[in-house]
């Protein structure tokens, strides 16, 4: 019996691991691990988030995240311009 190379052993290990734990999200599906659809914000909602955060009595990012059904880090990234840069 011939010895396997490390690369071949690694490929076989990953294949066995994938067979035991198939991914819950397939390419093209828009679902996160809990089975709920991801919240996709419209351009208008992104503008609203930015306007509300720039206002004098701005709500916290956590409040906006709960209101829009998104993660607080997404609100932070929108506010800093790291996400949805093209929306002004």
PDB file of N, CA and C in Angstrom:
ATOM      1  N   UNK A   1       0.844  -1.173   0.000  1.00  0.00           N
ATOM      2  CA  UNK A   1       0.000   0.000   0.000  1.00  0.00           C
ATOM      3  C   UNK A   1       0.892   1.240   0.000  1.00  0.00           C
ATOM      4  N   UNK A   2       0.619   2.146  -0.906  1.00  0.00           N
ATOM      5  CA  UNK A   2       1.431   3.355  -1.041  1.00  0.00           C
ATOM      6  C   UNK A   2       1.061   4.361   0.042  1.00  0.00           C
ATOM      7  N   UNK A   3       2.050   5.120   0.472  1.00  0.00           N
ATOM      8  CA  UNK A   3       1.814   6.176   1.459  1.00  0.00           C
ATOM      9  C   UNK A   3       1.104   7.349   0.810  1.00  0.00           C
ATOM     10  N   UNK A   4       0.249   7.985   1.563  1.00  0.00           N
ATOM     11  CA  UNK A   4      -0.443   9.168   1.075  1.00  0.00           C
ATOM     12  C   UNK A   4       0.393  10.400   1.394  1.00  0.00           C
ATOM     13  N   UNK A   5       0.282  11.385   0.531  1.00  0.00           N
ATOM     14  CA  UNK A   5       0.955  12.645   0.810  1.00  0.00           C
ATOM     15  C   UNK A   5       0.130  13.414   1.841  1.00  0.00           C
ATOM     16  N   UNK A   6       0.738  14.403   2.468  1.00  0.00           N
ATOM     17  CA  UNK A   6       0.013  15.217   3.449  1.00  0.00           C
ATOM     18  C   UNK A   6      -1.157  15.937   2.802  1.00  0.00           C
ATOM     19  N   UNK A   7      -0.954  16.432   1.591  1.00  0.00           N
ATOM     20  CA  UNK A   7      -2.025  17.141   0.893  1.00  0.00           C
ATOM     21  C   UNK A   7      -3.201  16.211   0.617  1.00  0.00           C
ATOM     22  N   UNK A   8      -2.915  14.984   0.211  1.00  0.00           N
ATOM     23  CA  UNK A   8      -3.983  14.033  -0.074  1.00  0.00           C
ATOM     24  C   UNK A   8      -4.729  13.671   1.209  1.00  0.00           C
ATOM     25  N   UNK A   9      -4.000  13.470   2.294  1.00  0.00           N
ATOM     26  CA  UNK A   9      -4.640  13.169   3.574  1.00  0.00           C
ATOM     27  C   UNK A   9      -5.523  14.325   4.025  1.00  0.00           C
ATOM     28  N   UNK A  10      -5.046  15.544   3.830  1.00  0.00           N
ATOM     29  CA  UNK A  10      -5.825  16.724   4.229  1.00  0.00           C
ATOM     30  C   UNK A  10      -7.105  16.828   3.408  1.00  0.00           C
ATOM     31  N   UNK A  11      -7.016  16.576   2.083  1.00  0.00           N
ATOM     32  CA  UNK A  11      -8.215  16.618   1.240  1.00  0.00           C
ATOM     33  C   UNK A  11      -9.237  15.581   1.678  1.00  0.00           C
ATOM     34  N   UNK A  12      -8.775  14.384   1.986  1.00  0.00           N
ATOM     35  CA  UNK A  12      -9.684  13.319   2.419  1.00  0.00           C
ATOM     36  C   UNK A  12     -10.323  13.671   3.762  1.00  0.00           C
ATOM     37  N   UNK A  13      -9.544  14.252   4.667  1.00  0.00           N
ATOM     38  CA  UNK A  13     -10.073  14.648   5.970  1.00  0.00           C
ATOM     39  C   UNK A  13     -11.171  15.693   5.802  1.00  0.00           C
ATOM     40  N   UNK A  14     -10.924  16.720   4.960  1.00  0.00           N
ATOM     41  CA  UNK A  14     -11.935  17.758   4.741  1.00  0.00           C
ATOM     42  C   UNK A  14     -13.190  17.173   4.101  1.00  0.00           C
ATOM     43  N   UNK A  15     -13.020  16.227   3.185  1.00  0.00           N
ATOM     44  CA  UNK A  15     -14.175  15.603   2.543  1.00  0.00           C
ATOM     45  C   UNK A  15     -15.011  14.819   3.563  1.00  0.00           C
ATOM     46  N   UNK A  16     -14.333  14.090   4.453  1.00  0.00           N
ATOM     47  CA  UNK A  16     -15.075  13.364   5.497  1.00  0.00           C
ATOM     48  C   UNK A  16     -15.788  14.337   6.431  1.00  0.00           C
ATOM     49  N   UNK A  17     -15.122  15.418   6.779  1.00  0.00           N
ATOM     50  CA  UNK A  17     -15.711  16.404   7.688  1.00  0.00           C
ATOM     51  C   UNK A  17     -16.937  17.060   7.048  1.00  0.00           C
ATOM     52  N   UNK A  18     -16.838  17.394   5.749  1.00  0.00           N
ATOM     53  CA  UNK A  18     -17.987  17.985   5.053  1.00  0.00           C
ATOM     54  C   UNK A  18     -19.149  17.004   4.984  1.00  0.00           C
ATOM     55  N   UNK A  19     -18.854  15.721   4.820  1.00  0.00           N
ATOM     56  CA  UNK A  19     -19.912  14.718   4.737  1.00  0.00           C
ATOM     57  C   UNK A  19     -20.661  14.609   6.070  1.00  0.00           C
ATOM     58  N   UNK A  20     -19.932  14.753   7.187  1.00  0.00           N
ATOM     59  CA  UNK A  20     -20.580  14.689   8.508  1.00  0.00           C
ATOM     60  C   UNK A  20     -21.333  15.959   8.840  1.00  0.00           C
ATOM     61  N   UNK A  21     -20.818  17.110   8.400  1.00  0.00           N
ATOM     62  CA  UNK A  21     -21.402  18.413   8.737  1.00  0.00           C
ATOM     63  C   UNK A  21     -21.648  19.212   7.464  1.00  0.00           C
ATOM     64  N   UNK A  22     -22.691  18.885   6.725  1.00  0.00           N
ATOM     65  CA  UNK A  22     -22.931  19.632   5.493  1.00  0.00           C
ATOM     66  C   UNK A  22     -23.260  21.087   5.828  1.00  0.00           C
ATOM     67  N   UNK A  23     -22.849  22.027   4.993  1.00  0.00           N
ATOM     68  CA  UNK A  23     -23.132  23.434   5.272  1.00  0.00           C
ATOM     69  C   UNK A  23     -24.629  23.692   5.239  1.00  0.00           C
ATOM     70  N   UNK A  24     -25.087  24.567   6.117  1.00  0.00           N
ATOM     71  CA  UNK A  24     -26.499  24.898   6.148  1.00  0.00           C
ATOM     72  C   UNK A  24     -26.863  25.895   5.046  1.00  0.00           C
ATOM     73  N   UNK A  25     -25.881  26.638   4.595  1.00  0.00           N
ATOM     74  CA  UNK A  25     -26.119  27.622   3.550  1.00  0.00           C
ATOM     75  C   UNK A  25     -25.449  27.153   2.272  1.00  0.00           C
ATOM     76  N   UNK A  26     -26.214  27.013   1.239  1.00  0.00           N
ATOM     77  CA  UNK A  26     -25.680  26.634  -0.056  1.00  0.00           C
ATOM     78  C   UNK A  26     -25.402  27.908  -0.856  1.00  0.00           C
ATOM     79  N   UNK A  27     -24.480  27.869  -1.784  1.00  0.00           N
ATOM     80  CA  UNK A  27     -24.221  29.058  -2.602  1.00  0.00           C
ATOM     81  C   UNK A  27     -25.498  29.542  -3.269  1.00  0.00           C
ATOM     82  N   UNK A  28     -25.735  30.825  -3.182  1.00  0.00           N
ATOM     83  CA  UNK A  28     -26.930  31.405  -3.789  1.00  0.00           C
ATOM     84  C   UNK A  28     -28.096  31.529  -2.838  1.00  0.00           C
ATOM     85  N   UNK A  29     -28.052  30.835  -1.708  1.00  0.00           N
ATOM     86  CA  UNK A  29     -29.133  30.962  -0.733  1.00  0.00           C
ATOM     87  C   UNK A  29     -28.865  32.156   0.162  1.00  0.00           C
ATOM     88  N   UNK A  30     -29.899  32.789   0.588  1.00  0.00           N
ATOM     89  CA  UNK A  30     -29.777  33.984   1.400  1.00  0.00           C
ATOM     90  C   UNK A  30     -30.320  33.695   2.798  1.00  0.00           C
ATOM     91  N   UNK A  31     -29.718  32.707   3.481  1.00  0.00           N
ATOM     92  CA  UNK A  31     -30.200  32.280   4.784  1.00  0.00           C
ATOM     93  C   UNK A  31     -29.009  32.116   5.717  1.00  0.00           C
ATOM     94  N   UNK A  32     -29.120  32.631   6.933  1.00  0.00           N
ATOM     95  CA  UNK A  32     -28.031  32.413   7.878  1.00  0.00           C
ATOM     96  C   UNK A  32     -28.287  31.145   8.671  1.00  0.00           C
ATOM     97  N   UNK A  33     -27.404  30.820   9.605  1.00  0.00           N
ATOM     98  CA  UNK A  33     -27.414  29.509  10.261  1.00  0.00           C
ATOM     99  C   UNK A  33     -28.697  29.181  11.025  1.00  0.00           C
ATOM    100  N   UNK A  34     -29.406  30.169  11.506  1.00  0.00           N
ATOM    101  CA  UNK A  34     -30.618  29.876  12.265  1.00  0.00           C
ATOM    102  C   UNK A  34     -31.808  29.602  11.361  1.00  0.00           C
ATOM    103  N   UNK A  35     -31.606  29.689  10.059  1.00  0.00           N
ATOM    104  CA  UNK A  35     -32.689  29.401   9.139  1.00  0.00           C
ATOM    105  C   UNK A  35     -33.549  30.604   8.807  1.00  0.00           C
ATOM    106  N   UNK A  36     -33.218  31.760   9.389  1.00  0.00           N
ATOM    107  CA  UNK A  36     -33.973  32.977   9.108  1.00  0.00           C
ATOM    108  C   UNK A  36     -33.345  33.697   7.915  1.00  0.00           C
ATOM    109  N   UNK A  37     -34.150  34.352   7.098  1.00  0.00           N
ATOM    110  CA  UNK A  37     -33.564  35.080   5.975  1.00  0.00           C
ATOM    111  C   UNK A  37     -32.738  36.256   6.471  1.00  0.00           C
ATOM    112  N   UNK A  38     -31.644  36.526   5.765  1.00  0.00           N
ATOM    113  CA  UNK A  38     -30.844  37.696   6.100  1.00  0.00           C
ATOM    114  C   UNK A  38     -31.642  38.941   5.808  1.00  0.00           C
ATOM    115  N   UNK A  39     -31.420  39.939   6.591  1.00  0.00           N
ATOM    116  CA  UNK A  39     -32.092  41.213   6.378  1.00  0.00           C
ATOM    117  C   UNK A  39     -31.275  42.012   5.374  1.00  0.00           C
ATOM    118  N   UNK A  40     -31.850  42.335   4.251  1.00  0.00           N
ATOM    119  CA  UNK A  40     -31.174  43.118   3.235  1.00  0.00           C
ATOM    120  C   UNK A  40     -31.786  44.508   3.255  1.00  0.00           C
ATOM    121  N   UNK A  41     -30.952  45.501   3.503  1.00  0.00           N
ATOM    122  CA  UNK A  41     -31.441  46.865   3.601  1.00  0.00           C
ATOM    123  C   UNK A  41     -31.535  47.507   2.221  1.00  0.00           C
ATOM    124  N   UNK A  42     -32.587  48.280   2.032  1.00  0.00           N
ATOM    125  CA  UNK A  42     -32.708  49.044   0.796  1.00  0.00           C
ATOM    126  C   UNK A  42     -31.829  50.286   0.904  1.00  0.00           C
ATOM    127  N   UNK A  43     -31.606  50.933  -0.215  1.00  0.00           N
ATOM    128  CA  UNK A  43     -30.815  52.167  -0.204  1.00  0.00           C
ATOM    129  C   UNK A  43     -31.482  53.229   0.660  1.00  0.00           C
ATOM    130  N   UNK A  44     -32.792  53.279   0.614  1.00  0.00           N
ATOM    131  CA  UNK A  44     -33.534  54.256   1.417  1.00  0.00           C
ATOM    132  C   UNK A  44     -33.332  54.001   2.920  1.00  0.00           C
ATOM    133  N   UNK A  45     -33.329  52.748   3.324  1.00  0.00           N
ATOM    134  CA  UNK A  45     -33.111  52.420   4.729  1.00  0.00           C
ATOM    135  C   UNK A  45     -31.694  52.790   5.168  1.00  0.00           C
ATOM    136  N   UNK A  46     -30.715  52.581   4.289  1.00  0.00           N
ATOM    137  CA  UNK A  46     -29.326  52.957   4.609  1.00  0.00           C
ATOM    138  C   UNK A  46     -29.229  54.467   4.779  1.00  0.00           C
ATOM    139  N   UNK A  47     -29.862  55.218   3.883  1.00  0.00           N
ATOM    140  CA  UNK A  47     -29.862  56.686   4.011  1.00  0.00           C
ATOM    141  C   UNK A  47     -30.519  57.104   5.326  1.00  0.00           C
ATOM    142  N   UNK A  48     -31.627  56.452   5.671  1.00  0.00           N
ATOM    143  CA  UNK A  48     -32.331  56.779   6.912  1.00  0.00           C
ATOM    144  C   UNK A  48     -31.442  56.515   8.132  1.00  0.00           C
ATOM    145  N   UNK A  49     -30.729  55.409   8.136  1.00  0.00           N
ATOM    146  CA  UNK A  49     -29.829  55.088   9.256  1.00  0.00           C
ATOM    147  C   UNK A  49     -28.770  56.173   9.387  1.00  0.00           C
ATOM    148  N   UNK A  50     -28.160  56.555   8.271  1.00  0.00           N
ATOM    149  CA  UNK A  50     -27.115  57.586   8.316  1.00  0.00           C
ATOM    150  C   UNK A  50     -27.667  58.929   8.780  1.00  0.00           C
ATOM    151  N   UNK A  51     -28.853  59.294   8.301  1.00  0.00           N
ATOM    152  CA  UNK A  51     -29.455  60.565   8.702  1.00  0.00           C
ATOM    153  C   UNK A  51     -29.790  60.563  10.189  1.00  0.00           C
ATOM    154  N   UNK A  52     -30.347  59.463  10.659  1.00  0.00           N
ATOM    155  CA  UNK A  52     -30.736  59.398  12.068  1.00  0.00           C
ATOM    156  C   UNK A  52     -29.523  59.410  12.987  1.00  0.00           C
ATOM    157  N   UNK A  53     -28.429  58.777  12.576  1.00  0.00           N
ATOM    158  CA  UNK A  53     -27.220  58.778  13.400  1.00  0.00           C
ATOM    159  C   UNK A  53     -26.538  60.149  13.399  1.00  0.00           C
ATOM    160  N   UNK A  54     -26.749  60.926  12.337  1.00  0.00           N
ATOM    161  CA  UNK A  54     -26.133  62.254  12.253  1.00  0.00           C
ATOM    162  C   UNK A  54     -26.960  63.320  12.957  1.00  0.00           C
ATOM    163  N   UNK A  55     -28.197  63.005  13.304  1.00  0.00           N
ATOM    164  CA  UNK A  55     -29.088  63.979  13.931  1.00  0.00           C
ATOM    165  C   UNK A  55     -28.670  64.313  15.351  1.00  0.00           C
ATOM    166  N   UNK A  56     -29.252  65.407  15.896  1.00  0.00           N
ATOM    167  CA  UNK A  56     -28.875  65.841  17.255  1.00  0.00           C
ATOM    168  C   UNK A  56     -29.313  64.864  18.352  1.00  0.00           C
ATOM    169  N   UNK A  57     -30.445  64.239  18.193  1.00  0.00           N
ATOM    170  CA  UNK A  57     -30.918  63.285  19.204  1.00  0.00           C
ATOM    171  C   UNK A  57     -30.864  61.868  18.631  1.00  0.00           C
ATOM    172  N   UNK A  58     -29.675  61.479  18.199  1.00  0.00           N
ATOM    173  CA  UNK A  58     -29.482  60.200  17.527  1.00  0.00           C
ATOM    174  C   UNK A  58     -29.689  59.025  18.486  1.00  0.00           C
ATOM    175  N   UNK A  59     -30.414  57.999  18.038  1.00  0.00           N
ATOM    176  CA  UNK A  59     -30.533  56.789  18.858  1.00  0.00           C
ATOM    177  C   UNK A  59     -29.213  56.028  18.848  1.00  0.00           C
ATOM    178  N   UNK A  60     -29.078  55.099  19.744  1.00  0.00           N
ATOM    179  CA  UNK A  60     -27.858  54.288  19.758  1.00  0.00           C
ATOM    180  C   UNK A  60     -27.876  53.332  18.568  1.00  0.00           C
ATOM    181  N   UNK A  61     -26.688  52.855  18.209  1.00  0.00           N
ATOM    182  CA  UNK A  61     -26.591  51.920  17.101  1.00  0.00           C
ATOM    183  C   UNK A  61     -27.311  50.614  17.425  1.00  0.00           C
ATOM    184  N   UNK A  62     -27.308  50.218  18.685  1.00  0.00           N
ATOM    185  CA  UNK A  62     -27.997  48.983  19.082  1.00  0.00           C
ATOM    186  C   UNK A  62     -29.503  49.117  18.878  1.00  0.00           C
ATOM    187  N   UNK A  63     -30.053  50.287  19.181  1.00  0.00           N
ATOM    188  CA  UNK A  63     -31.492  50.520  18.997  1.00  0.00           C
ATOM    189  C   UNK A  63     -31.837  50.439  17.511  1.00  0.00           C
ATOM    190  N   UNK A  64     -31.016  51.088  16.680  1.00  0.00           N
ATOM    191  CA  UNK A  64     -31.272  51.028  15.234  1.00  0.00           C
ATOM    192  C   UNK A  64     -31.141  49.605  14.703  1.00  0.00           C
ATOM    193  N   UNK A  65     -30.175  48.863  15.216  1.00  0.00           N
ATOM    194  CA  UNK A  65     -29.992  47.479  14.767  1.00  0.00           C
ATOM    195  C   UNK A  65     -31.229  46.651  15.073  1.00  0.00           C
ATOM    196  N   UNK A  66     -31.765  46.792  16.280  1.00  0.00           N
ATOM    197  CA  UNK A  66     -32.986  46.046  16.633  1.00  0.00           C
ATOM    198  C   UNK A  66     -34.162  46.485  15.764  1.00  0.00           C
ATOM    199  N   UNK A  67     -34.244  47.761  15.511  1.00  0.00           N
ATOM    200  CA  UNK A  67     -35.351  48.298  14.725  1.00  0.00           C
ATOM    201  C   UNK A  67     -35.344  47.761  13.288  1.00  0.00           C
ATOM    202  N   UNK A  68     -34.163  47.647  12.700  1.00  0.00           N
ATOM    203  CA  UNK A  68     -34.049  47.180  11.316  1.00  0.00           C
ATOM    204  C   UNK A  68     -33.808  45.679  11.211  1.00  0.00           C
ATOM    205  N   UNK A  69     -33.589  45.009  12.326  1.00  0.00           N
ATOM    206  CA  UNK A  69     -33.386  43.564  12.303  1.00  0.00           C
ATOM    207  C   UNK A  69     -32.029  43.161  11.774  1.00  0.00           C
ATOM    208  N   UNK A  70     -31.012  43.973  12.061  1.00  0.00           N
ATOM    209  CA  UNK A  70     -29.658  43.686  11.594  1.00  0.00           C
ATOM    210  C   UNK A  70     -28.708  43.667  12.782  1.00  0.00           C
ATOM    211  N   UNK A  71     -27.475  43.252  12.564  1.00  0.00           N
ATOM    212  CA  UNK A  71     -26.477  43.182  13.627  1.00  0.00           C
ATOM    213  C   UNK A  71     -25.959  44.588  13.927  1.00  0.00           C
ATOM    214  N   UNK A  72     -25.670  44.900  15.193  1.00  0.00           N
ATOM    215  CA  UNK A  72     -25.159  46.233  15.528  1.00  0.00           C
ATOM    216  C   UNK A  72     -23.873  46.596  14.786  1.00  0.00           C
ATOM    217  N   UNK A  73     -23.033  45.625  14.498  1.00  0.00           N
ATOM    218  CA  UNK A  73     -21.803  45.944  13.769  1.00  0.00           C
ATOM    219  C   UNK A  73     -22.104  46.414  12.346  1.00  0.00           C
ATOM    220  N   UNK A  74     -23.219  45.951  11.779  1.00  0.00           N
ATOM    221  CA  UNK A  74     -23.610  46.406  10.447  1.00  0.00           C
ATOM    222  C   UNK A  74     -23.981  47.876  10.483  1.00  0.00           C
ATOM    223  N   UNK A  75     -24.688  48.288  11.535  1.00  0.00           N
ATOM    224  CA  UNK A  75     -25.035  49.707  11.688  1.00  0.00           C
ATOM    225  C   UNK A  75     -23.763  50.536  11.821  1.00  0.00           C
ATOM    226  N   UNK A  76     -22.818  50.050  12.597  1.00  0.00           N
ATOM    227  CA  UNK A  76     -21.549  50.745  12.778  1.00  0.00           C
ATOM    228  C   UNK A  76     -20.821  50.882  11.444  1.00  0.00           C
ATOM    229  N   UNK A  77     -20.785  49.831  10.666  1.00  0.00           N
ATOM    230  CA  UNK A  77     -20.089  49.869   9.382  1.00  0.00           C
ATOM    231  C   UNK A  77     -20.787  50.798   8.395  1.00  0.00           C
ATOM    232  N   UNK A  78     -22.105  50.848   8.443  1.00  0.00           N
ATOM    233  CA  UNK A  78     -22.851  51.780   7.594  1.00  0.00           C
ATOM    234  C   UNK A  78     -22.530  53.211   8.007  1.00  0.00           C
ATOM    235  N   UNK A  79     -22.514  53.461   9.320  1.00  0.00           N
ATOM    236  CA  UNK A  79     -22.258  54.804   9.825  1.00  0.00           C
ATOM    237  C   UNK A  79     -20.856  55.288   9.461  1.00  0.00           C
ATOM    238  N   UNK A  80     -19.884  54.399   9.493  1.00  0.00           N
ATOM    239  CA  UNK A  80     -18.497  54.768   9.184  1.00  0.00           C
ATOM    240  C   UNK A  80     -18.191  54.765   7.697  1.00  0.00           C
ATOM    241  N   UNK A  81     -19.139  54.282   6.898  1.00  0.00           N
ATOM    242  CA  UNK A  81     -18.939  54.268   5.456  1.00  0.00           C
ATOM    243  C   UNK A  81     -18.192  53.052   4.956  1.00  0.00           C
ATOM    244  N   UNK A  82     -18.079  52.042   5.764  1.00  0.00           N
ATOM    245  CA  UNK A  82     -17.400  50.816   5.333  1.00  0.00           C
ATOM    246  C   UNK A  82     -18.325  49.914   4.534  1.00  0.00           C
ATOM    247  N   UNK A  83     -19.605  50.051   4.757  1.00  0.00           N
ATOM    248  CA  UNK A  83     -20.603  49.296   3.990  1.00  0.00           C
ATOM    249  C   UNK A  83     -21.472  50.272   3.231  1.00  0.00           C
ATOM    250  N   UNK A  84     -21.905  49.832   2.087  1.00  0.00           N
ATOM    251  CA  UNK A  84     -22.819  50.610   1.253  1.00  0.00           C
ATOM    252  C   UNK A  84     -22.263  51.996   0.964  1.00  0.00           C
ATOM    253  N   UNK A  85     -21.015  52.039   0.512  1.00  0.00           N
ATOM    254  CA  UNK A  85     -20.338  53.308   0.226  1.00  0.00           C
ATOM    255  C   UNK A  85     -21.033  54.081  -0.891  1.00  0.00           C
ATOM    256  N   UNK A  86     -21.620  53.358  -1.817  1.00  0.00           N
ATOM    257  CA  UNK A  86     -22.258  54.025  -2.968  1.00  0.00           C
ATOM    258  C   UNK A  86     -23.558  54.711  -2.642  1.00  0.00           C
ATOM    259  N   UNK A  87     -24.117  54.450  -1.485  1.00  0.00           N
ATOM    260  CA  UNK A  87     -25.400  55.058  -1.117  1.00  0.00           C
ATOM    261  C   UNK A  87     -25.102  56.359  -0.373  1.00  0.00           C
ATOM    262  N   UNK A  88     -25.630  57.451  -0.933  1.00  0.00           N
ATOM    263  CA  UNK A  88     -25.405  58.753  -0.286  1.00  0.00           C
ATOM    264  C   UNK A  88     -26.698  59.395   0.099  1.00  0.00           C
TER     265      UNK A  88
END
